[in-house]
Amino acid sequence: MVMGRFNTFTGAFQYDPENITAFSTDVTVDVASVDSNQAERDKHLRSKDFFHVDEYPEARFVSTGYEDKGNGQGIMTGDLTLRGVTKSITLEISQMESGKDPWGNY
């Protein structure tokens, strides 16, 4: 298995602990920023064989629903667009630690 990441992305999410089922997100990824820590593999991933970044420079996920499973767990559904094709996918979500920052924000 090869691990990697995308270094450039933008997005936003809405989260209200009083109305957790309204949790939503919208994320756009610059697929040319793929980074598997191996330059030749990354070049191949950017090619027509995989991401085809010249034709499809972005991938996007827009949530369409969220189901709270309790204990900080949930299921998020949404539309993933990759290489110009959009498909519905399901993601398992786990809440990480949260709390107030030094400026009093939560």
PDB file of N, CA and C in Angstrom:
ATOM      1  N   MET A   1       0.841  -1.170   0.000  1.00  0.00           N
ATOM      2  CA  MET A   1       0.000   0.000   0.000  1.00  0.00           C
ATOM      3  C   MET A   1       0.889   1.237   0.000  1.00  0.00           C
ATOM      4  N   VAL A   2       0.493   2.216  -0.795  1.00  0.00           N
ATOM      5  CA  VAL A   2       1.207   3.481  -0.885  1.00  0.00           C
ATOM      6  C   VAL A   2       0.384   4.553  -0.196  1.00  0.00           C
ATOM      7  N   MET A   3       1.010   5.270   0.695  1.00  0.00           N
ATOM      8  CA  MET A   3       0.354   6.382   1.387  1.00  0.00           C
ATOM      9  C   MET A   3       0.741   7.681   0.686  1.00  0.00           C
ATOM     10  N   GLY A   4      -0.157   8.624   0.687  1.00  0.00           N
ATOM     11  CA  GLY A   4       0.119   9.918   0.090  1.00  0.00           C
ATOM     12  C   GLY A   4      -0.873  10.942   0.578  1.00  0.00           C
ATOM     13  N   ARG A   5      -0.773  12.124   0.020  1.00  0.00           N
ATOM     14  CA  ARG A   5      -1.672  13.207   0.412  1.00  0.00           C
ATOM     15  C   ARG A   5      -1.754  14.213  -0.724  1.00  0.00           C
ATOM     16  N   PHE A   6      -2.688  15.131  -0.583  1.00  0.00           N
ATOM     17  CA  PHE A   6      -2.775  16.286  -1.470  1.00  0.00           C
ATOM     18  C   PHE A   6      -2.365  17.488  -0.643  1.00  0.00           C
ATOM     19  N   ASN A   7      -1.432  18.273  -1.156  1.00  0.00           N
ATOM     20  CA  ASN A   7      -0.899  19.390  -0.390  1.00  0.00           C
ATOM     21  C   ASN A   7      -1.707  20.675  -0.531  1.00  0.00           C
ATOM     22  N   THR A   8      -2.540  20.782  -1.577  1.00  0.00           N
ATOM     23  CA  THR A   8      -3.277  22.016  -1.812  1.00  0.00           C
ATOM     24  C   THR A   8      -4.772  21.713  -1.928  1.00  0.00           C
ATOM     25  N   PHE A   9      -5.533  22.351  -1.070  1.00  0.00           N
ATOM     26  CA  PHE A   9      -6.981  22.161  -1.074  1.00  0.00           C
ATOM     27  C   PHE A   9      -7.638  23.341  -0.372  1.00  0.00           C
ATOM     28  N   THR A  10      -8.916  23.525  -0.635  1.00  0.00           N
ATOM     29  CA  THR A  10      -9.707  24.547   0.040  1.00  0.00           C
ATOM     30  C   THR A  10     -11.035  23.911   0.433  1.00  0.00           C
ATOM     31  N   GLY A  11     -11.675  24.516   1.385  1.00  0.00           N
ATOM     32  CA  GLY A  11     -12.964  23.973   1.763  1.00  0.00           C
ATOM     33  C   GLY A  11     -13.551  24.681   2.962  1.00  0.00           C
ATOM     34  N   ALA A  12     -14.748  24.254   3.276  1.00  0.00           N
ATOM     35  CA  ALA A  12     -15.457  24.810   4.428  1.00  0.00           C
ATOM     36  C   ALA A  12     -16.361  23.734   4.992  1.00  0.00           C
ATOM     37  N   PHE A  13     -16.682  23.880   6.253  1.00  0.00           N
ATOM     38  CA  PHE A  13     -17.660  22.981   6.843  1.00  0.00           C
ATOM     39  C   PHE A  13     -18.525  23.751   7.814  1.00  0.00           C
ATOM     40  N   GLN A  14     -19.716  23.234   8.012  1.00  0.00           N
ATOM     41  CA  GLN A  14     -20.672  23.794   8.955  1.00  0.00           C
ATOM     42  C   GLN A  14     -20.924  22.735  10.019  1.00  0.00           C
ATOM     43  N   TYR A  15     -20.763  23.104  11.273  1.00  0.00           N
ATOM     44  CA  TYR A  15     -20.986  22.165  12.367  1.00  0.00           C
ATOM     45  C   TYR A  15     -21.649  22.896  13.516  1.00  0.00           C
ATOM     46  N   ASP A  16     -22.770  22.385  13.942  1.00  0.00           N
ATOM     47  CA  ASP A  16     -23.500  22.950  15.071  1.00  0.00           C
ATOM     48  C   ASP A  16     -23.780  21.804  16.043  1.00  0.00           C
ATOM     49  N   PRO A  17     -23.139  21.789  17.214  1.00  0.00           N
ATOM     50  CA  PRO A  17     -23.354  20.688  18.148  1.00  0.00           C
ATOM     51  C   PRO A  17     -24.803  20.565  18.619  1.00  0.00           C
ATOM     52  N   GLU A  18     -25.589  21.623  18.461  1.00  0.00           N
ATOM     53  CA  GLU A  18     -27.004  21.576  18.827  1.00  0.00           C
ATOM     54  C   GLU A  18     -27.865  20.970  17.720  1.00  0.00           C
ATOM     55  N   ASN A  19     -27.331  20.904  16.502  1.00  0.00           N
ATOM     56  CA  ASN A  19     -28.048  20.349  15.357  1.00  0.00           C
ATOM     57  C   ASN A  19     -27.059  19.556  14.505  1.00  0.00           C
ATOM     58  N   ILE A  20     -26.538  18.473  15.062  1.00  0.00           N
ATOM     59  CA  ILE A  20     -25.446  17.732  14.439  1.00  0.00           C
ATOM     60  C   ILE A  20     -25.803  17.158  13.068  1.00  0.00           C
ATOM     61  N   THR A  21     -27.080  16.868  12.823  1.00  0.00           N
ATOM     62  CA  THR A  21     -27.443  16.305  11.525  1.00  0.00           C
ATOM     63  C   THR A  21     -27.335  17.333  10.400  1.00  0.00           C
ATOM     64  N   ALA A  22     -27.157  18.611  10.737  1.00  0.00           N
ATOM     65  CA  ALA A  22     -26.960  19.656   9.733  1.00  0.00           C
ATOM     66  C   ALA A  22     -25.485  19.794   9.345  1.00  0.00           C
ATOM     67  N   PHE A  23     -24.608  18.938   9.886  1.00  0.00           N
ATOM     68  CA  PHE A  23     -23.183  18.959   9.571  1.00  0.00           C
ATOM     69  C   PHE A  23     -23.001  18.841   8.067  1.00  0.00           C
ATOM     70  N   SER A  24     -22.199  19.732   7.477  1.00  0.00           N
ATOM     71  CA  SER A  24     -21.962  19.688   6.034  1.00  0.00           C
ATOM     72  C   SER A  24     -20.550  20.141   5.712  1.00  0.00           C
ATOM     73  N   THR A  25     -20.089  19.761   4.529  1.00  0.00           N
ATOM     74  CA  THR A  25     -18.760  20.157   4.082  1.00  0.00           C
ATOM     75  C   THR A  25     -18.720  20.271   2.568  1.00  0.00           C
ATOM     76  N   ASP A  26     -17.781  21.066   2.089  1.00  0.00           N
ATOM     77  CA  ASP A  26     -17.548  21.270   0.662  1.00  0.00           C
ATOM     78  C   ASP A  26     -16.038  21.466   0.509  1.00  0.00           C
ATOM     79  N   VAL A  27     -15.364  20.515  -0.139  1.00  0.00           N
ATOM     80  CA  VAL A  27     -13.901  20.544  -0.246  1.00  0.00           C
ATOM     81  C   VAL A  27     -13.490  20.404  -1.706  1.00  0.00           C
ATOM     82  N   THR A  28     -12.568  21.259  -2.136  1.00  0.00           N
ATOM     83  CA  THR A  28     -11.992  21.177  -3.483  1.00  0.00           C
ATOM     84  C   THR A  28     -10.502  20.921  -3.344  1.00  0.00           C
ATOM     85  N   VAL A  29     -10.009  19.922  -4.092  1.00  0.00           N
ATOM     86  CA  VAL A  29      -8.611  19.501  -4.021  1.00  0.00           C
ATOM     87  C   VAL A  29      -7.920  19.786  -5.351  1.00  0.00           C
ATOM     88  N   ASP A  30      -6.739  20.381  -5.278  1.00  0.00           N
ATOM     89  CA  ASP A  30      -5.876  20.541  -6.451  1.00  0.00           C
ATOM     90  C   ASP A  30      -5.158  19.202  -6.643  1.00  0.00           C
ATOM     91  N   VAL A  31      -5.630  18.386  -7.588  1.00  0.00           N
ATOM     92  CA  VAL A  31      -5.085  17.031  -7.709  1.00  0.00           C
ATOM     93  C   VAL A  31      -3.635  17.018  -8.186  1.00  0.00           C
ATOM     94  N   ALA A  32      -3.161  18.114  -8.781  1.00  0.00           N
ATOM     95  CA  ALA A  32      -1.749  18.189  -9.165  1.00  0.00           C
ATOM     96  C   ALA A  32      -0.843  18.252  -7.944  1.00  0.00           C
ATOM     97  N   SER A  33      -1.423  18.525  -6.774  1.00  0.00           N
ATOM     98  CA  SER A  33      -0.622  18.609  -5.546  1.00  0.00           C
ATOM     99  C   SER A  33      -0.432  17.245  -4.891  1.00  0.00           C
ATOM    100  N   VAL A  34      -0.776  16.169  -5.608  1.00  0.00           N
ATOM    101  CA  VAL A  34      -0.603  14.829  -5.051  1.00  0.00           C
ATOM    102  C   VAL A  34       0.854  14.645  -4.635  1.00  0.00           C
ATOM    103  N   ASP A  35       1.056  14.023  -3.481  1.00  0.00           N
ATOM    104  CA  ASP A  35       2.399  13.857  -2.924  1.00  0.00           C
ATOM    105  C   ASP A  35       2.493  12.488  -2.247  1.00  0.00           C
ATOM    106  N   SER A  36       3.156  11.564  -2.934  1.00  0.00           N
ATOM    107  CA  SER A  36       3.366  10.226  -2.373  1.00  0.00           C
ATOM    108  C   SER A  36       4.815  10.048  -1.917  1.00  0.00           C
ATOM    109  N   ASN A  37       5.561  11.152  -1.901  1.00  0.00           N
ATOM    110  CA  ASN A  37       6.958  11.153  -1.478  1.00  0.00           C
ATOM    111  C   ASN A  37       7.862  10.411  -2.463  1.00  0.00           C
ATOM    112  N   GLN A  38       7.433  10.360  -3.727  1.00  0.00           N
ATOM    113  CA  GLN A  38       8.248   9.731  -4.771  1.00  0.00           C
ATOM    114  C   GLN A  38       7.903  10.449  -6.081  1.00  0.00           C
ATOM    115  N   ALA A  39       8.821  11.270  -6.579  1.00  0.00           N
ATOM    116  CA  ALA A  39       8.555  12.182  -7.698  1.00  0.00           C
ATOM    117  C   ALA A  39       8.075  11.471  -8.961  1.00  0.00           C
ATOM    118  N   GLU A  40       8.676  10.365  -9.316  1.00  0.00           N
ATOM    119  CA  GLU A  40       8.266   9.663 -10.543  1.00  0.00           C
ATOM    120  C   GLU A  40       6.867   9.076 -10.408  1.00  0.00           C
ATOM    121  N   ARG A  41       6.552   8.537  -9.255  1.00  0.00           N
ATOM    122  CA  ARG A  41       5.200   8.009  -9.035  1.00  0.00           C
ATOM    123  C   ARG A  41       4.183   9.152  -9.100  1.00  0.00           C
ATOM    124  N   ASP A  42       4.499  10.301  -8.473  1.00  0.00           N
ATOM    125  CA  ASP A  42       3.593  11.442  -8.504  1.00  0.00           C
ATOM    126  C   ASP A  42       3.377  11.929  -9.935  1.00  0.00           C
ATOM    127  N   LYS A  43       4.432  11.930 -10.736  1.00  0.00           N
ATOM    128  CA  LYS A  43       4.303  12.315 -12.146  1.00  0.00           C
ATOM    129  C   LYS A  43       3.339  11.370 -12.858  1.00  0.00           C
ATOM    130  N   HIS A  44       3.457  10.073 -12.590  1.00  0.00           N
ATOM    131  CA  HIS A  44       2.561   9.090 -13.194  1.00  0.00           C
ATOM    132  C   HIS A  44       1.125   9.293 -12.706  1.00  0.00           C
ATOM    133  N   LEU A  45       0.941   9.586 -11.419  1.00  0.00           N
ATOM    134  CA  LEU A  45      -0.394   9.824 -10.882  1.00  0.00           C
ATOM    135  C   LEU A  45      -1.052  11.046 -11.530  1.00  0.00           C
ATOM    136  N   ARG A  46      -0.261  12.037 -11.926  1.00  0.00           N
ATOM    137  CA  ARG A  46      -0.796  13.243 -12.572  1.00  0.00           C
ATOM    138  C   ARG A  46      -1.150  13.007 -14.039  1.00  0.00           C
ATOM    139  N   SER A  47      -0.680  11.910 -14.604  1.00  0.00           N
ATOM    140  CA  SER A  47      -0.850  11.625 -16.034  1.00  0.00           C
ATOM    141  C   SER A  47      -2.275  11.194 -16.372  1.00  0.00           C
ATOM    142  N   LYS A  48      -2.521  10.960 -17.670  1.00  0.00           N
ATOM    143  CA  LYS A  48      -3.823  10.480 -18.148  1.00  0.00           C
ATOM    144  C   LYS A  48      -4.185   9.121 -17.559  1.00  0.00           C
ATOM    145  N   ASP A  49      -3.188   8.349 -17.115  1.00  0.00           N
ATOM    146  CA  ASP A  49      -3.456   7.027 -16.549  1.00  0.00           C
ATOM    147  C   ASP A  49      -4.247   7.099 -15.244  1.00  0.00           C
ATOM    148  N   PHE A  50      -4.118   8.220 -14.522  1.00  0.00           N
ATOM    149  CA  PHE A  50      -4.777   8.343 -13.225  1.00  0.00           C
ATOM    150  C   PHE A  50      -5.605   9.628 -13.152  1.00  0.00           C
ATOM    151  N   PHE A  51      -5.070  10.691 -12.585  1.00  0.00           N
ATOM    152  CA  PHE A  51      -5.840  11.909 -12.346  1.00  0.00           C
ATOM    153  C   PHE A  51      -6.047  12.790 -13.577  1.00  0.00           C
ATOM    154  N   HIS A  52      -5.143  12.689 -14.564  1.00  0.00           N
ATOM    155  CA  HIS A  52      -5.226  13.498 -15.791  1.00  0.00           C
ATOM    156  C   HIS A  52      -5.412  14.976 -15.440  1.00  0.00           C
ATOM    157  N   VAL A  53      -4.446  15.510 -14.709  1.00  0.00           N
ATOM    158  CA  VAL A  53      -4.563  16.862 -14.153  1.00  0.00           C
ATOM    159  C   VAL A  53      -4.626  17.951 -15.213  1.00  0.00           C
ATOM    160  N   ASP A  54      -4.098  17.701 -16.408  1.00  0.00           N
ATOM    161  CA  ASP A  54      -4.184  18.722 -17.459  1.00  0.00           C
ATOM    162  C   ASP A  54      -5.636  18.971 -17.866  1.00  0.00           C
ATOM    163  N   GLU A  55      -6.433  17.926 -17.882  1.00  0.00           N
ATOM    164  CA  GLU A  55      -7.841  18.021 -18.262  1.00  0.00           C
ATOM    165  C   GLU A  55      -8.764  18.255 -17.058  1.00  0.00           C
ATOM    166  N   TYR A  56      -8.411  17.653 -15.917  1.00  0.00           N
ATOM    167  CA  TYR A  56      -9.255  17.699 -14.720  1.00  0.00           C
ATOM    168  C   TYR A  56      -8.412  18.114 -13.511  1.00  0.00           C
ATOM    169  N   PRO A  57      -8.157  19.404 -13.352  1.00  0.00           N
ATOM    170  CA  PRO A  57      -7.230  19.865 -12.303  1.00  0.00           C
ATOM    171  C   PRO A  57      -7.762  19.784 -10.875  1.00  0.00           C
ATOM    172  N   GLU A  58      -9.082  19.591 -10.719  1.00  0.00           N
ATOM    173  CA  GLU A  58      -9.647  19.589  -9.375  1.00  0.00           C
ATOM    174  C   GLU A  58     -10.522  18.362  -9.127  1.00  0.00           C
ATOM    175  N   ALA A  59     -10.557  17.977  -7.876  1.00  0.00           N
ATOM    176  CA  ALA A  59     -11.537  17.008  -7.390  1.00  0.00           C
ATOM    177  C   ALA A  59     -12.363  17.754  -6.346  1.00  0.00           C
ATOM    178  N   ARG A  60     -13.633  17.355  -6.202  1.00  0.00           N
ATOM    179  CA  ARG A  60     -14.481  18.074  -5.252  1.00  0.00           C
ATOM    180  C   ARG A  60     -15.410  17.093  -4.540  1.00  0.00           C
ATOM    181  N   PHE A  61     -15.573  17.323  -3.241  1.00  0.00           N
ATOM    182  CA  PHE A  61     -16.542  16.569  -2.444  1.00  0.00           C
ATOM    183  C   PHE A  61     -17.509  17.553  -1.821  1.00  0.00           C
ATOM    184  N   VAL A  62     -18.812  17.327  -2.046  1.00  0.00           N
ATOM    185  CA  VAL A  62     -19.863  18.145  -1.457  1.00  0.00           C
ATOM    186  C   VAL A  62     -20.794  17.200  -0.710  1.00  0.00           C
ATOM    187  N   SER A  63     -20.912  17.398   0.582  1.00  0.00           N
ATOM    188  CA  SER A  63     -21.764  16.511   1.370  1.00  0.00           C
ATOM    189  C   SER A  63     -23.235  16.719   1.026  1.00  0.00           C
ATOM    190  N   THR A  64     -23.986  15.639   1.158  1.00  0.00           N
ATOM    191  CA  THR A  64     -25.430  15.690   0.918  1.00  0.00           C
ATOM    192  C   THR A  64     -26.224  15.247   2.139  1.00  0.00           C
ATOM    193  N   GLY A  65     -25.550  14.691   3.152  1.00  0.00           N
ATOM    194  CA  GLY A  65     -26.258  14.261   4.342  1.00  0.00           C
ATOM    195  C   GLY A  65     -25.303  13.766   5.408  1.00  0.00           C
ATOM    196  N   TYR A  66     -25.796  13.736   6.626  1.00  0.00           N
ATOM    197  CA  TYR A  66     -24.995  13.249   7.743  1.00  0.00           C
ATOM    198  C   TYR A  66     -25.898  12.493   8.704  1.00  0.00           C
ATOM    199  N   GLU A  67     -25.458  11.314   9.133  1.00  0.00           N
ATOM    200  CA  GLU A  67     -26.188  10.505  10.108  1.00  0.00           C
ATOM    201  C   GLU A  67     -25.320  10.340  11.349  1.00  0.00           C
ATOM    202  N   ASP A  68     -25.807  10.846  12.468  1.00  0.00           N
ATOM    203  CA  ASP A  68     -25.087  10.741  13.737  1.00  0.00           C
ATOM    204  C   ASP A  68     -25.226   9.326  14.288  1.00  0.00           C
ATOM    205  N   LYS A  69     -24.095   8.674  14.564  1.00  0.00           N
ATOM    206  CA  LYS A  69     -24.093   7.329  15.142  1.00  0.00           C
ATOM    207  C   LYS A  69     -23.812   7.353  16.643  1.00  0.00           C
ATOM    208  N   GLY A  70     -23.623   8.553  17.216  1.00  0.00           N
ATOM    209  CA  GLY A  70     -23.332   8.682  18.637  1.00  0.00           C
ATOM    210  C   GLY A  70     -21.863   8.506  18.947  1.00  0.00           C
ATOM    211  N   ASN A  71     -21.460   8.921  20.129  1.00  0.00           N
ATOM    212  CA  ASN A  71     -20.076   8.787  20.594  1.00  0.00           C
ATOM    213  C   ASN A  71     -19.053   9.371  19.620  1.00  0.00           C
ATOM    214  N   GLY A  72     -19.398  10.483  18.968  1.00  0.00           N
ATOM    215  CA  GLY A  72     -18.466  11.141  18.051  1.00  0.00           C
ATOM    216  C   GLY A  72     -18.310  10.432  16.715  1.00  0.00           C
ATOM    217  N   GLN A  73     -19.180   9.504  16.406  1.00  0.00           N
ATOM    218  CA  GLN A  73     -19.109   8.744  15.155  1.00  0.00           C
ATOM    219  C   GLN A  73     -20.281   9.130  14.260  1.00  0.00           C
ATOM    220  N   GLY A  74     -20.083   9.046  12.951  1.00  0.00           N
ATOM    221  CA  GLY A  74     -21.164   9.348  12.035  1.00  0.00           C
ATOM    222  C   GLY A  74     -20.871   8.870  10.633  1.00  0.00           C
ATOM    223  N   ILE A  75     -21.879   8.970   9.788  1.00  0.00           N
ATOM    224  CA  ILE A  75     -21.766   8.598   8.384  1.00  0.00           C
ATOM    225  C   ILE A  75     -22.122   9.828   7.554  1.00  0.00           C
ATOM    226  N   MET A  76     -21.190  10.262   6.707  1.00  0.00           N
ATOM    227  CA  MET A  76     -21.433  11.389   5.816  1.00  0.00           C
ATOM    228  C   MET A  76     -21.564  10.866   4.394  1.00  0.00           C
ATOM    229  N   THR A  77     -22.617  11.283   3.723  1.00  0.00           N
ATOM    230  CA  THR A  77     -22.773  10.968   2.312  1.00  0.00           C
ATOM    231  C   THR A  77     -22.532  12.234   1.523  1.00  0.00           C
ATOM    232  N   GLY A  78     -22.109  12.051   0.279  1.00  0.00           N
ATOM    233  CA  GLY A  78     -21.865  13.220  -0.542  1.00  0.00           C
ATOM    234  C   GLY A  78     -21.494  12.839  -1.951  1.00  0.00           C
ATOM    235  N   ASP A  79     -21.329  13.862  -2.768  1.00  0.00           N
ATOM    236  CA  ASP A  79     -20.977  13.688  -4.165  1.00  0.00           C
ATOM    237  C   ASP A  79     -19.501  14.002  -4.364  1.00  0.00           C
ATOM    238  N   LEU A  80     -18.764  13.013  -4.879  1.00  0.00           N
ATOM    239  CA  LEU A  80     -17.347  13.170  -5.198  1.00  0.00           C
ATOM    240  C   LEU A  80     -17.222  13.288  -6.707  1.00  0.00           C
ATOM    241  N   THR A  81     -16.589  14.376  -7.153  1.00  0.00           N
ATOM    242  CA  THR A  81     -16.334  14.572  -8.577  1.00  0.00           C
ATOM    243  C   THR A  81     -14.838  14.422  -8.814  1.00  0.00           C
ATOM    244  N   LEU A  82     -14.490  13.486  -9.683  1.00  0.00           N
ATOM    245  CA  LEU A  82     -13.100  13.184 -10.019  1.00  0.00           C
ATOM    246  C   LEU A  82     -13.053  12.859 -11.502  1.00  0.00           C
ATOM    247  N   ARG A  83     -12.151  13.509 -12.221  1.00  0.00           N
ATOM    248  CA  ARG A  83     -12.027  13.325 -13.672  1.00  0.00           C
ATOM    249  C   ARG A  83     -13.352  13.588 -14.390  1.00  0.00           C
ATOM    250  N   GLY A  84     -14.102  14.571 -13.897  1.00  0.00           N
ATOM    251  CA  GLY A  84     -15.335  14.971 -14.546  1.00  0.00           C
ATOM    252  C   GLY A  84     -16.523  14.064 -14.297  1.00  0.00           C
ATOM    253  N   VAL A  85     -16.360  13.057 -13.457  1.00  0.00           N
ATOM    254  CA  VAL A  85     -17.436  12.118 -13.147  1.00  0.00           C
ATOM    255  C   VAL A  85     -17.815  12.304 -11.684  1.00  0.00           C
ATOM    256  N   THR A  86     -19.113  12.415 -11.420  1.00  0.00           N
ATOM    257  CA  THR A  86     -19.611  12.585 -10.063  1.00  0.00           C
ATOM    258  C   THR A  86     -20.333  11.324  -9.627  1.00  0.00           C
ATOM    259  N   LYS A  87     -19.951  10.835  -8.444  1.00  0.00           N
ATOM    260  CA  LYS A  87     -20.599   9.666  -7.861  1.00  0.00           C
ATOM    261  C   LYS A  87     -20.857   9.926  -6.387  1.00  0.00           C
ATOM    262  N   SER A  88     -21.922   9.324  -5.892  1.00  0.00           N
ATOM    263  CA  SER A  88     -22.242   9.421  -4.474  1.00  0.00           C
ATOM    264  C   SER A  88     -21.349   8.449  -3.704  1.00  0.00           C
ATOM    265  N   ILE A  89     -20.770   8.928  -2.600  1.00  0.00           N
ATOM    266  CA  ILE A  89     -19.938   8.079  -1.750  1.00  0.00           C
ATOM    267  C   ILE A  89     -20.361   8.253  -0.295  1.00  0.00           C
ATOM    268  N   THR A  90     -19.919   7.334   0.537  1.00  0.00           N
ATOM    269  CA  THR A  90     -20.198   7.364   1.969  1.00  0.00           C
ATOM    270  C   THR A  90     -18.883   7.340   2.728  1.00  0.00           C
ATOM    271  N   LEU A  91     -18.753   8.207   3.722  1.00  0.00           N
ATOM    272  CA  LEU A  91     -17.540   8.296   4.531  1.00  0.00           C
ATOM    273  C   LEU A  91     -17.876   8.066   5.994  1.00  0.00           C
ATOM    274  N   GLU A  92     -17.049   7.297   6.678  1.00  0.00           N
ATOM    275  CA  GLU A  92     -17.176   7.163   8.127  1.00  0.00           C
ATOM    276  C   GLU A  92     -16.447   8.330   8.767  1.00  0.00           C
ATOM    277  N   ILE A  93     -17.104   9.017   9.687  1.00  0.00           N
ATOM    278  CA  ILE A  93     -16.568  10.209  10.332  1.00  0.00           C
ATOM    279  C   ILE A  93     -16.333   9.926  11.816  1.00  0.00           C
ATOM    280  N   SER A  94     -15.177  10.362  12.313  1.00  0.00           N
ATOM    281  CA  SER A  94     -14.865  10.267  13.744  1.00  0.00           C
ATOM    282  C   SER A  94     -14.488  11.649  14.247  1.00  0.00           C
ATOM    283  N   GLN A  95     -15.132  12.090  15.318  1.00  0.00           N
ATOM    284  CA  GLN A  95     -14.814  13.381  15.896  1.00  0.00           C
ATOM    285  C   GLN A  95     -13.487  13.289  16.623  1.00  0.00           C
ATOM    286  N   MET A  96     -12.643  14.280  16.386  1.00  0.00           N
ATOM    287  CA  MET A  96     -11.366  14.367  17.083  1.00  0.00           C
ATOM    288  C   MET A  96     -11.552  15.300  18.269  1.00  0.00           C
ATOM    289  N   GLU A  97     -10.526  15.501  19.027  1.00  0.00           N
ATOM    290  CA  GLU A  97     -10.601  16.368  20.194  1.00  0.00           C
ATOM    291  C   GLU A  97     -11.014  17.786  19.802  1.00  0.00           C
ATOM    292  N   SER A  98     -11.698  18.447  20.709  1.00  0.00           N
ATOM    293  CA  SER A  98     -12.077  19.834  20.493  1.00  0.00           C
ATOM    294  C   SER A  98     -12.047  20.557  21.830  1.00  0.00           C
ATOM    295  N   GLY A  99     -11.997  21.858  21.760  1.00  0.00           N
ATOM    296  CA  GLY A  99     -11.982  22.671  22.967  1.00  0.00           C
ATOM    297  C   GLY A  99     -11.647  24.108  22.625  1.00  0.00           C
ATOM    298  N   LYS A 100     -11.538  24.933  23.637  1.00  0.00           N
ATOM    299  CA  LYS A 100     -11.258  26.345  23.424  1.00  0.00           C
ATOM    300  C   LYS A 100      -9.777  26.549  23.108  1.00  0.00           C
ATOM    301  N   ASP A 101      -9.538  27.470  22.149  1.00  0.00           N
ATOM    302  CA  ASP A 101      -8.164  27.834  21.826  1.00  0.00           C
ATOM    303  C   ASP A 101      -7.724  28.986  22.734  1.00  0.00           C
ATOM    304  N   PRO A 102      -6.463  29.421  22.642  1.00  0.00           N
ATOM    305  CA  PRO A 102      -5.972  30.480  23.517  1.00  0.00           C
ATOM    306  C   PRO A 102      -6.702  31.805  23.393  1.00  0.00           C
ATOM    307  N   TRP A 103      -7.475  31.991  22.303  1.00  0.00           N
ATOM    308  CA  TRP A 103      -8.192  33.236  22.082  1.00  0.00           C
ATOM    309  C   TRP A 103      -9.652  33.136  22.475  1.00  0.00           C
ATOM    310  N   GLY A 104     -10.053  32.020  23.080  1.00  0.00           N
ATOM    311  CA  GLY A 104     -11.414  31.860  23.557  1.00  0.00           C
ATOM    312  C   GLY A 104     -12.391  31.299  22.546  1.00  0.00           C
ATOM    313  N   ASN A 105     -11.892  30.962  21.361  1.00  0.00           N
ATOM    314  CA  ASN A 105     -12.759  30.352  20.353  1.00  0.00           C
ATOM    315  C   ASN A 105     -12.880  28.862  20.622  1.00  0.00           C
ATOM    316  N   TYR A 106     -13.975  28.262  20.183  1.00  0.00           N
ATOM    317  CA  TYR A 106     -14.151  26.822  20.381  1.00  0.00           C
ATOM    318  C   TYR A 106     -13.755  26.102  19.125  1.00  0.00           C
TER     319      TYR A 106
END
